[in-house]
Amino acid sequence: MDMREFVNTFPLPRVVRVTNCEEGNVLKNLVLPFDVDITQPLLLYKKYKPVKLTGKCLKLNKNGKCKEVGPSLIIPDSYPGTFTFV
């Protein structure tokens, strides 16, 4: 089963084993800490859809109006910074 099919079929938490991880270089696409062994059983306990914000930089003109400048930027929900109203 792929991940989407698995979480739609079985409730979490659930202990699983990743199979066929060598096929298609699946491990190359994962960013894992050095001490994680994906070949050992895993406890899956939470699913979530990451939230991302898309924004544009603003530049204040001499007359006090804002103008969008530069490319859009994407800020993931894991961004550790804070936001305040301007």
PDB file of N, CA and C in Angstrom:
ATOM      1  N   MET A   1       0.850  -1.194   0.000  1.00  0.00           N
ATOM      2  CA  MET A   1       0.000   0.000   0.000  1.00  0.00           C
ATOM      3  C   MET A   1       0.879   1.234   0.000  1.00  0.00           C
ATOM      4  N   ASP A   2       0.446   2.260  -0.691  1.00  0.00           N
ATOM      5  CA  ASP A   2       1.168   3.515  -0.572  1.00  0.00           C
ATOM      6  C   ASP A   2       0.655   4.243   0.675  1.00  0.00           C
ATOM      7  N   MET A   3       1.312   5.334   1.025  1.00  0.00           N
ATOM      8  CA  MET A   3       0.998   6.010   2.281  1.00  0.00           C
ATOM      9  C   MET A   3      -0.442   6.524   2.313  1.00  0.00           C
ATOM     10  N   ARG A   4      -0.897   7.151   1.249  1.00  0.00           N
ATOM     11  CA  ARG A   4      -2.259   7.705   1.233  1.00  0.00           C
ATOM     12  C   ARG A   4      -3.300   6.603   1.425  1.00  0.00           C
ATOM     13  N   GLU A   5      -3.134   5.495   0.723  1.00  0.00           N
ATOM     14  CA  GLU A   5      -4.059   4.375   0.847  1.00  0.00           C
ATOM     15  C   GLU A   5      -4.021   3.806   2.269  1.00  0.00           C
ATOM     16  N   PHE A   6      -2.828   3.710   2.843  1.00  0.00           N
ATOM     17  CA  PHE A   6      -2.680   3.160   4.191  1.00  0.00           C
ATOM     18  C   PHE A   6      -3.424   3.999   5.223  1.00  0.00           C
ATOM     19  N   VAL A   7      -3.200   5.309   5.234  1.00  0.00           N
ATOM     20  CA  VAL A   7      -3.833   6.153   6.268  1.00  0.00           C
ATOM     21  C   VAL A   7      -5.333   6.291   6.047  1.00  0.00           C
ATOM     22  N   ASN A   8      -5.798   6.083   4.822  1.00  0.00           N
ATOM     23  CA  ASN A   8      -7.242   6.106   4.579  1.00  0.00           C
ATOM     24  C   ASN A   8      -7.907   4.793   4.974  1.00  0.00           C
ATOM     25  N   THR A   9      -7.129   3.715   5.105  1.00  0.00           N
ATOM     26  CA  THR A   9      -7.671   2.404   5.430  1.00  0.00           C
ATOM     27  C   THR A   9      -7.572   2.079   6.920  1.00  0.00           C
ATOM     28  N   PHE A  10      -6.461   2.459   7.551  1.00  0.00           N
ATOM     29  CA  PHE A  10      -6.210   2.078   8.934  1.00  0.00           C
ATOM     30  C   PHE A  10      -6.119   3.304   9.842  1.00  0.00           C
ATOM     31  N   PRO A  11      -6.721   3.227  11.041  1.00  0.00           N
ATOM     32  CA  PRO A  11      -6.594   4.332  11.994  1.00  0.00           C
ATOM     33  C   PRO A  11      -5.188   4.362  12.603  1.00  0.00           C
ATOM     34  N   LEU A  12      -4.759   5.521  12.987  1.00  0.00           N
ATOM     35  CA  LEU A  12      -3.473   5.687  13.674  1.00  0.00           C
ATOM     36  C   LEU A  12      -3.727   5.710  15.166  1.00  0.00           C
ATOM     37  N   PRO A  13      -2.787   5.345  15.997  1.00  0.00           N
ATOM     38  CA  PRO A  13      -1.407   4.947  15.712  1.00  0.00           C
ATOM     39  C   PRO A  13      -1.334   3.525  15.172  1.00  0.00           C
ATOM     40  N   ARG A  14      -0.257   3.258  14.446  1.00  0.00           N
ATOM     41  CA  ARG A  14      -0.067   1.951  13.817  1.00  0.00           C
ATOM     42  C   ARG A  14       1.423   1.724  13.625  1.00  0.00           C
ATOM     43  N   VAL A  15       1.897   0.505  13.910  1.00  0.00           N
ATOM     44  CA  VAL A  15       3.296   0.137  13.673  1.00  0.00           C
ATOM     45  C   VAL A  15       3.379  -0.449  12.267  1.00  0.00           C
ATOM     46  N   VAL A  16       4.345   0.033  11.491  1.00  0.00           N
ATOM     47  CA  VAL A  16       4.479  -0.397  10.093  1.00  0.00           C
ATOM     48  C   VAL A  16       5.937  -0.693   9.780  1.00  0.00           C
ATOM     49  N   ARG A  17       6.131  -1.337   8.654  1.00  0.00           N
ATOM     50  CA  ARG A  17       7.471  -1.538   8.121  1.00  0.00           C
ATOM     51  C   ARG A  17       7.446  -1.051   6.683  1.00  0.00           C
ATOM     52  N   VAL A  18       8.438  -0.264   6.313  1.00  0.00           N
ATOM     53  CA  VAL A  18       8.570   0.213   4.946  1.00  0.00           C
ATOM     54  C   VAL A  18       9.138  -0.932   4.119  1.00  0.00           C
ATOM     55  N   THR A  19       8.465  -1.251   3.022  1.00  0.00           N
ATOM     56  CA  THR A  19       8.929  -2.335   2.165  1.00  0.00           C
ATOM     57  C   THR A  19       9.337  -1.773   0.814  1.00  0.00           C
ATOM     58  N   ASN A  20      10.165  -2.511   0.123  1.00  0.00           N
ATOM     59  CA  ASN A  20      10.641  -2.118  -1.204  1.00  0.00           C
ATOM     60  C   ASN A  20      11.292  -0.736  -1.185  1.00  0.00           C
ATOM     61  N   CYS A  21      11.948  -0.389  -0.085  1.00  0.00           N
ATOM     62  CA  CYS A  21      12.544   0.937   0.012  1.00  0.00           C
ATOM     63  C   CYS A  21      13.740   1.109  -0.918  1.00  0.00           C
ATOM     64  N   GLU A  22      14.304   0.009  -1.408  1.00  0.00           N
ATOM     65  CA  GLU A  22      15.419   0.116  -2.340  1.00  0.00           C
ATOM     66  C   GLU A  22      14.928   0.395  -3.758  1.00  0.00           C
ATOM     67  N   GLU A  23      13.701  -0.023  -4.060  1.00  0.00           N
ATOM     68  CA  GLU A  23      13.166   0.153  -5.403  1.00  0.00           C
ATOM     69  C   GLU A  23      12.867   1.620  -5.668  1.00  0.00           C
ATOM     70  N   GLY A  24      13.280   2.101  -6.823  1.00  0.00           N
ATOM     71  CA  GLY A  24      12.996   3.473  -7.204  1.00  0.00           C
ATOM     72  C   GLY A  24      13.727   4.513  -6.388  1.00  0.00           C
ATOM     73  N   ASN A  25      14.758   4.105  -5.666  1.00  0.00           N
ATOM     74  CA  ASN A  25      15.546   5.047  -4.868  1.00  0.00           C
ATOM     75  C   ASN A  25      14.686   5.889  -3.926  1.00  0.00           C
ATOM     76  N   VAL A  26      13.735   5.247  -3.256  1.00  0.00           N
ATOM     77  CA  VAL A  26      12.849   5.953  -2.336  1.00  0.00           C
ATOM     78  C   VAL A  26      13.642   6.673  -1.255  1.00  0.00           C
ATOM     79  N   LEU A  27      14.703   6.052  -0.787  1.00  0.00           N
ATOM     80  CA  LEU A  27      15.481   6.659   0.295  1.00  0.00           C
ATOM     81  C   LEU A  27      16.136   7.969  -0.123  1.00  0.00           C
ATOM     82  N   LYS A  28      16.433   8.125  -1.400  1.00  0.00           N
ATOM     83  CA  LYS A  28      17.052   9.381  -1.858  1.00  0.00           C
ATOM     84  C   LYS A  28      16.115  10.559  -1.693  1.00  0.00           C
ATOM     85  N   ASN A  29      14.796  10.318  -1.723  1.00  0.00           N
ATOM     86  CA  ASN A  29      13.817  11.392  -1.636  1.00  0.00           C
ATOM     87  C   ASN A  29      13.459  11.762  -0.198  1.00  0.00           C
ATOM     88  N   LEU A  30      13.940  10.997   0.766  1.00  0.00           N
ATOM     89  CA  LEU A  30      13.635  11.273   2.164  1.00  0.00           C
ATOM     90  C   LEU A  30      14.772  12.044   2.822  1.00  0.00           C
ATOM     91  N   VAL A  31      14.408  13.023   3.635  1.00  0.00           N
ATOM     92  CA  VAL A  31      15.398  13.741   4.437  1.00  0.00           C
ATOM     93  C   VAL A  31      15.261  13.215   5.853  1.00  0.00           C
ATOM     94  N   LEU A  32      16.217  12.406   6.253  1.00  0.00           N
ATOM     95  CA  LEU A  32      16.137  11.737   7.547  1.00  0.00           C
ATOM     96  C   LEU A  32      17.331  12.091   8.421  1.00  0.00           C
ATOM     97  N   PRO A  33      17.131  12.163   9.740  1.00  0.00           N
ATOM     98  CA  PRO A  33      18.271  12.317  10.639  1.00  0.00           C
ATOM     99  C   PRO A  33      19.199  11.109  10.490  1.00  0.00           C
ATOM    100  N   PHE A  34      20.468  11.298  10.778  1.00  0.00           N
ATOM    101  CA  PHE A  34      21.462  10.245  10.578  1.00  0.00           C
ATOM    102  C   PHE A  34      21.181   8.988  11.392  1.00  0.00           C
ATOM    103  N   ASP A  35      20.478   9.105  12.525  1.00  0.00           N
ATOM    104  CA  ASP A  35      20.260   7.951  13.388  1.00  0.00           C
ATOM    105  C   ASP A  35      18.932   7.229  13.124  1.00  0.00           C
ATOM    106  N   VAL A  36      18.227   7.578  12.050  1.00  0.00           N
ATOM    107  CA  VAL A  36      16.970   6.915  11.709  1.00  0.00           C
ATOM    108  C   VAL A  36      17.252   5.792  10.723  1.00  0.00           C
ATOM    109  N   ASP A  37      16.763   4.595  11.058  1.00  0.00           N
ATOM    110  CA  ASP A  37      16.916   3.434  10.186  1.00  0.00           C
ATOM    111  C   ASP A  37      15.549   3.082   9.628  1.00  0.00           C
ATOM    112  N   ILE A  38      15.288   3.489   8.397  1.00  0.00           N
ATOM    113  CA  ILE A  38      13.981   3.314   7.763  1.00  0.00           C
ATOM    114  C   ILE A  38      13.632   1.841   7.538  1.00  0.00           C
ATOM    115  N   THR A  39      14.616   0.954   7.667  1.00  0.00           N
ATOM    116  CA  THR A  39      14.345  -0.478   7.488  1.00  0.00           C
ATOM    117  C   THR A  39      13.777  -1.120   8.748  1.00  0.00           C
ATOM    118  N   GLN A  40      13.796  -0.427   9.876  1.00  0.00           N
ATOM    119  CA  GLN A  40      13.228  -0.931  11.130  1.00  0.00           C
ATOM    120  C   GLN A  40      11.755  -0.535  11.210  1.00  0.00           C
ATOM    121  N   PRO A  41      10.960  -1.203  12.075  1.00  0.00           N
ATOM    122  CA  PRO A  41       9.548  -0.826  12.224  1.00  0.00           C
ATOM    123  C   PRO A  41       9.399   0.640  12.635  1.00  0.00           C
ATOM    124  N   LEU A  42       8.330   1.261  12.158  1.00  0.00           N
ATOM    125  CA  LEU A  42       8.039   2.660  12.458  1.00  0.00           C
ATOM    126  C   LEU A  42       6.681   2.763  13.135  1.00  0.00           C
ATOM    127  N   LEU A  43       6.556   3.693  14.069  1.00  0.00           N
ATOM    128  CA  LEU A  43       5.268   3.997  14.675  1.00  0.00           C
ATOM    129  C   LEU A  43       4.720   5.232  13.987  1.00  0.00           C
ATOM    130  N   LEU A  44       3.627   5.055  13.251  1.00  0.00           N
ATOM    131  CA  LEU A  44       2.946   6.195  12.639  1.00  0.00           C
ATOM    132  C   LEU A  44       1.848   6.626  13.594  1.00  0.00           C
ATOM    133  N   TYR A  45       1.848   7.883  14.010  1.00  0.00           N
ATOM    134  CA  TYR A  45       0.888   8.303  15.026  1.00  0.00           C
ATOM    135  C   TYR A  45       0.141   9.584  14.711  1.00  0.00           C
ATOM    136  N   LYS A  46       0.513  10.306  13.661  1.00  0.00           N
ATOM    137  CA  LYS A  46      -0.164  11.560  13.385  1.00  0.00           C
ATOM    138  C   LYS A  46      -0.046  11.878  11.906  1.00  0.00           C
ATOM    139  N   LYS A  47      -1.134  12.356  11.314  1.00  0.00           N
ATOM    140  CA  LYS A  47      -1.045  12.831   9.937  1.00  0.00           C
ATOM    141  C   LYS A  47      -1.466  14.293   9.931  1.00  0.00           C
ATOM    142  N   TYR A  48      -0.895  15.027   9.015  1.00  0.00           N
ATOM    143  CA  TYR A  48      -1.250  16.437   8.897  1.00  0.00           C
ATOM    144  C   TYR A  48      -0.947  16.913   7.491  1.00  0.00           C
ATOM    145  N   LYS A  49      -1.611  17.966   7.119  1.00  0.00           N
ATOM    146  CA  LYS A  49      -1.314  18.634   5.863  1.00  0.00           C
ATOM    147  C   LYS A  49      -0.561  19.900   6.235  1.00  0.00           C
ATOM    148  N   PRO A  50       0.645  20.043   5.720  1.00  0.00           N
ATOM    149  CA  PRO A  50       1.397  21.239   6.081  1.00  0.00           C
ATOM    150  C   PRO A  50       0.714  22.498   5.537  1.00  0.00           C
ATOM    151  N   VAL A  51       0.783  23.544   6.312  1.00  0.00           N
ATOM    152  CA  VAL A  51       0.229  24.833   5.910  1.00  0.00           C
ATOM    153  C   VAL A  51       1.373  25.701   5.424  1.00  0.00           C
ATOM    154  N   LYS A  52       1.159  26.345   4.319  1.00  0.00           N
ATOM    155  CA  LYS A  52       2.171  27.244   3.777  1.00  0.00           C
ATOM    156  C   LYS A  52       1.504  28.562   3.443  1.00  0.00           C
ATOM    157  N   LEU A  53       2.216  29.639   3.664  1.00  0.00           N
ATOM    158  CA  LEU A  53       1.736  30.967   3.299  1.00  0.00           C
ATOM    159  C   LEU A  53       2.533  31.455   2.102  1.00  0.00           C
ATOM    160  N   THR A  54       1.853  32.072   1.168  1.00  0.00           N
ATOM    161  CA  THR A  54       2.527  32.692   0.032  1.00  0.00           C
ATOM    162  C   THR A  54       2.450  34.187   0.235  1.00  0.00           C
ATOM    163  N   GLY A  55       3.557  34.875   0.029  1.00  0.00           N
ATOM    164  CA  GLY A  55       3.585  36.317   0.233  1.00  0.00           C
ATOM    165  C   GLY A  55       4.436  37.026  -0.807  1.00  0.00           C
ATOM    166  N   LYS A  56       4.369  38.322  -0.771  1.00  0.00           N
ATOM    167  CA  LYS A  56       5.178  39.173  -1.637  1.00  0.00           C
ATOM    168  C   LYS A  56       5.839  40.229  -0.764  1.00  0.00           C
ATOM    169  N   CYS A  57       7.042  40.624  -1.125  1.00  0.00           N
ATOM    170  CA  CYS A  57       7.713  41.714  -0.424  1.00  0.00           C
ATOM    171  C   CYS A  57       7.098  43.038  -0.875  1.00  0.00           C
ATOM    172  N   LEU A  58       6.996  43.956   0.058  1.00  0.00           N
ATOM    173  CA  LEU A  58       6.462  45.277  -0.245  1.00  0.00           C
ATOM    174  C   LEU A  58       7.540  46.318  -0.018  1.00  0.00           C
ATOM    175  N   LYS A  59       7.517  47.338  -0.868  1.00  0.00           N
ATOM    176  CA  LYS A  59       8.440  48.462  -0.709  1.00  0.00           C
ATOM    177  C   LYS A  59       7.602  49.721  -0.589  1.00  0.00           C
ATOM    178  N   LEU A  60       7.931  50.536   0.387  1.00  0.00           N
ATOM    179  CA  LEU A  60       7.203  51.768   0.633  1.00  0.00           C
ATOM    180  C   LEU A  60       7.750  52.870  -0.270  1.00  0.00           C
ATOM    181  N   ASN A  61       6.878  53.458  -1.080  1.00  0.00           N
ATOM    182  CA  ASN A  61       7.281  54.563  -1.957  1.00  0.00           C
ATOM    183  C   ASN A  61       7.433  55.847  -1.143  1.00  0.00           C
ATOM    184  N   LYS A  62       7.983  56.892  -1.778  1.00  0.00           N
ATOM    185  CA  LYS A  62       8.147  58.190  -1.112  1.00  0.00           C
ATOM    186  C   LYS A  62       6.809  58.789  -0.719  1.00  0.00           C
ATOM    187  N   ASN A  63       5.761  58.487  -1.505  1.00  0.00           N
ATOM    188  CA  ASN A  63       4.442  59.039  -1.192  1.00  0.00           C
ATOM    189  C   ASN A  63       3.676  58.197  -0.163  1.00  0.00           C
ATOM    190  N   GLY A  64       4.322  57.167   0.386  1.00  0.00           N
ATOM    191  CA  GLY A  64       3.736  56.364   1.454  1.00  0.00           C
ATOM    192  C   GLY A  64       2.918  55.178   1.001  1.00  0.00           C
ATOM    193  N   LYS A  65       2.900  54.905  -0.308  1.00  0.00           N
ATOM    194  CA  LYS A  65       2.144  53.758  -0.818  1.00  0.00           C
ATOM    195  C   LYS A  65       3.065  52.551  -0.964  1.00  0.00           C
ATOM    196  N   CYS A  66       2.492  51.366  -0.787  1.00  0.00           N
ATOM    197  CA  CYS A  66       3.260  50.129  -0.909  1.00  0.00           C
ATOM    198  C   CYS A  66       3.194  49.603  -2.340  1.00  0.00           C
ATOM    199  N   LYS A  67       4.313  49.031  -2.777  1.00  0.00           N
ATOM    200  CA  LYS A  67       4.393  48.424  -4.096  1.00  0.00           C
ATOM    201  C   LYS A  67       5.008  47.037  -3.929  1.00  0.00           C
ATOM    202  N   GLU A  68       4.412  46.046  -4.619  1.00  0.00           N
ATOM    203  CA  GLU A  68       4.964  44.702  -4.577  1.00  0.00           C
ATOM    204  C   GLU A  68       6.272  44.668  -5.353  1.00  0.00           C
ATOM    205  N   VAL A  69       7.284  44.009  -4.769  1.00  0.00           N
ATOM    206  CA  VAL A  69       8.579  43.891  -5.437  1.00  0.00           C
ATOM    207  C   VAL A  69       9.091  42.462  -5.313  1.00  0.00           C
ATOM    208  N   GLY A  70       9.839  42.029  -6.299  1.00  0.00           N
ATOM    209  CA  GLY A  70      10.478  40.721  -6.240  1.00  0.00           C
ATOM    210  C   GLY A  70       9.513  39.569  -6.436  1.00  0.00           C
ATOM    211  N   PRO A  71      10.066  38.367  -6.379  1.00  0.00           N
ATOM    212  CA  PRO A  71       9.246  37.166  -6.564  1.00  0.00           C
ATOM    213  C   PRO A  71       8.425  36.848  -5.322  1.00  0.00           C
ATOM    214  N   SER A  72       7.428  35.976  -5.498  1.00  0.00           N
ATOM    215  CA  SER A  72       6.648  35.504  -4.351  1.00  0.00           C
ATOM    216  C   SER A  72       7.537  34.638  -3.475  1.00  0.00           C
ATOM    217  N   LEU A  73       7.198  34.574  -2.200  1.00  0.00           N
ATOM    218  CA  LEU A  73       7.926  33.689  -1.302  1.00  0.00           C
ATOM    219  C   LEU A  73       6.931  32.778  -0.601  1.00  0.00           C
ATOM    220  N   ILE A  74       7.400  31.593  -0.239  1.00  0.00           N
ATOM    221  CA  ILE A  74       6.554  30.606   0.429  1.00  0.00           C
ATOM    222  C   ILE A  74       7.126  30.365   1.821  1.00  0.00           C
ATOM    223  N   ILE A  75       6.274  30.512   2.832  1.00  0.00           N
ATOM    224  CA  ILE A  75       6.690  30.343   4.225  1.00  0.00           C
ATOM    225  C   ILE A  75       5.972  29.114   4.780  1.00  0.00           C
ATOM    226  N   PRO A  76       6.711  28.052   5.149  1.00  0.00           N
ATOM    227  CA  PRO A  76       6.066  26.847   5.695  1.00  0.00           C
ATOM    228  C   PRO A  76       5.625  27.068   7.139  1.00  0.00           C
ATOM    229  N   ASP A  77       4.679  26.244   7.590  1.00  0.00           N
ATOM    230  CA  ASP A  77       4.188  26.372   8.962  1.00  0.00           C
ATOM    231  C   ASP A  77       5.248  26.048   9.998  1.00  0.00           C
ATOM    232  N   SER A  78       6.342  25.447   9.582  1.00  0.00           N
ATOM    233  CA  SER A  78       7.427  25.132  10.510  1.00  0.00           C
ATOM    234  C   SER A  78       8.389  26.306  10.694  1.00  0.00           C
ATOM    235  N   TYR A  79       8.149  27.424  10.023  1.00  0.00           N
ATOM    236  CA  TYR A  79       9.015  28.601  10.168  1.00  0.00           C
ATOM    237  C   TYR A  79       9.042  29.039  11.630  1.00  0.00           C
ATOM    238  N   PRO A  80      10.234  29.143  12.228  1.00  0.00           N
ATOM    239  CA  PRO A  80      10.290  29.432  13.673  1.00  0.00           C
ATOM    240  C   PRO A  80      10.130  30.906  14.032  1.00  0.00           C
ATOM    241  N   GLY A  81      10.071  31.788  13.049  1.00  0.00           N
ATOM    242  CA  GLY A  81       9.970  33.225  13.329  1.00  0.00           C
ATOM    243  C   GLY A  81       8.562  33.625  13.759  1.00  0.00           C
ATOM    244  N   THR A  82       8.412  34.895  14.065  1.00  0.00           N
ATOM    245  CA  THR A  82       7.122  35.426  14.478  1.00  0.00           C
ATOM    246  C   THR A  82       6.681  36.518  13.508  1.00  0.00           C
ATOM    247  N   PHE A  83       5.412  36.850  13.568  1.00  0.00           N
ATOM    248  CA  PHE A  83       4.842  37.876  12.712  1.00  0.00           C
ATOM    249  C   PHE A  83       4.161  38.915  13.578  1.00  0.00           C
ATOM    250  N   THR A  84       4.154  40.165  13.137  1.00  0.00           N
ATOM    251  CA  THR A  84       3.413  41.233  13.792  1.00  0.00           C
ATOM    252  C   THR A  84       2.701  42.053  12.727  1.00  0.00           C
ATOM    253  N   PHE A  85       1.662  42.751  13.118  1.00  0.00           N
ATOM    254  CA  PHE A  85       0.975  43.641  12.187  1.00  0.00           C
ATOM    255  C   PHE A  85       1.814  44.879  11.957  1.00  0.00           C
ATOM    256  N   VAL A  86       1.755  45.404  10.737  1.00  0.00           N
ATOM    257  CA  VAL A  86       2.516  46.617  10.398  1.00  0.00           C
ATOM    258  C   VAL A  86       1.557  47.775  10.303  1.00  0.00           C
TER     259      VAL A  86
END
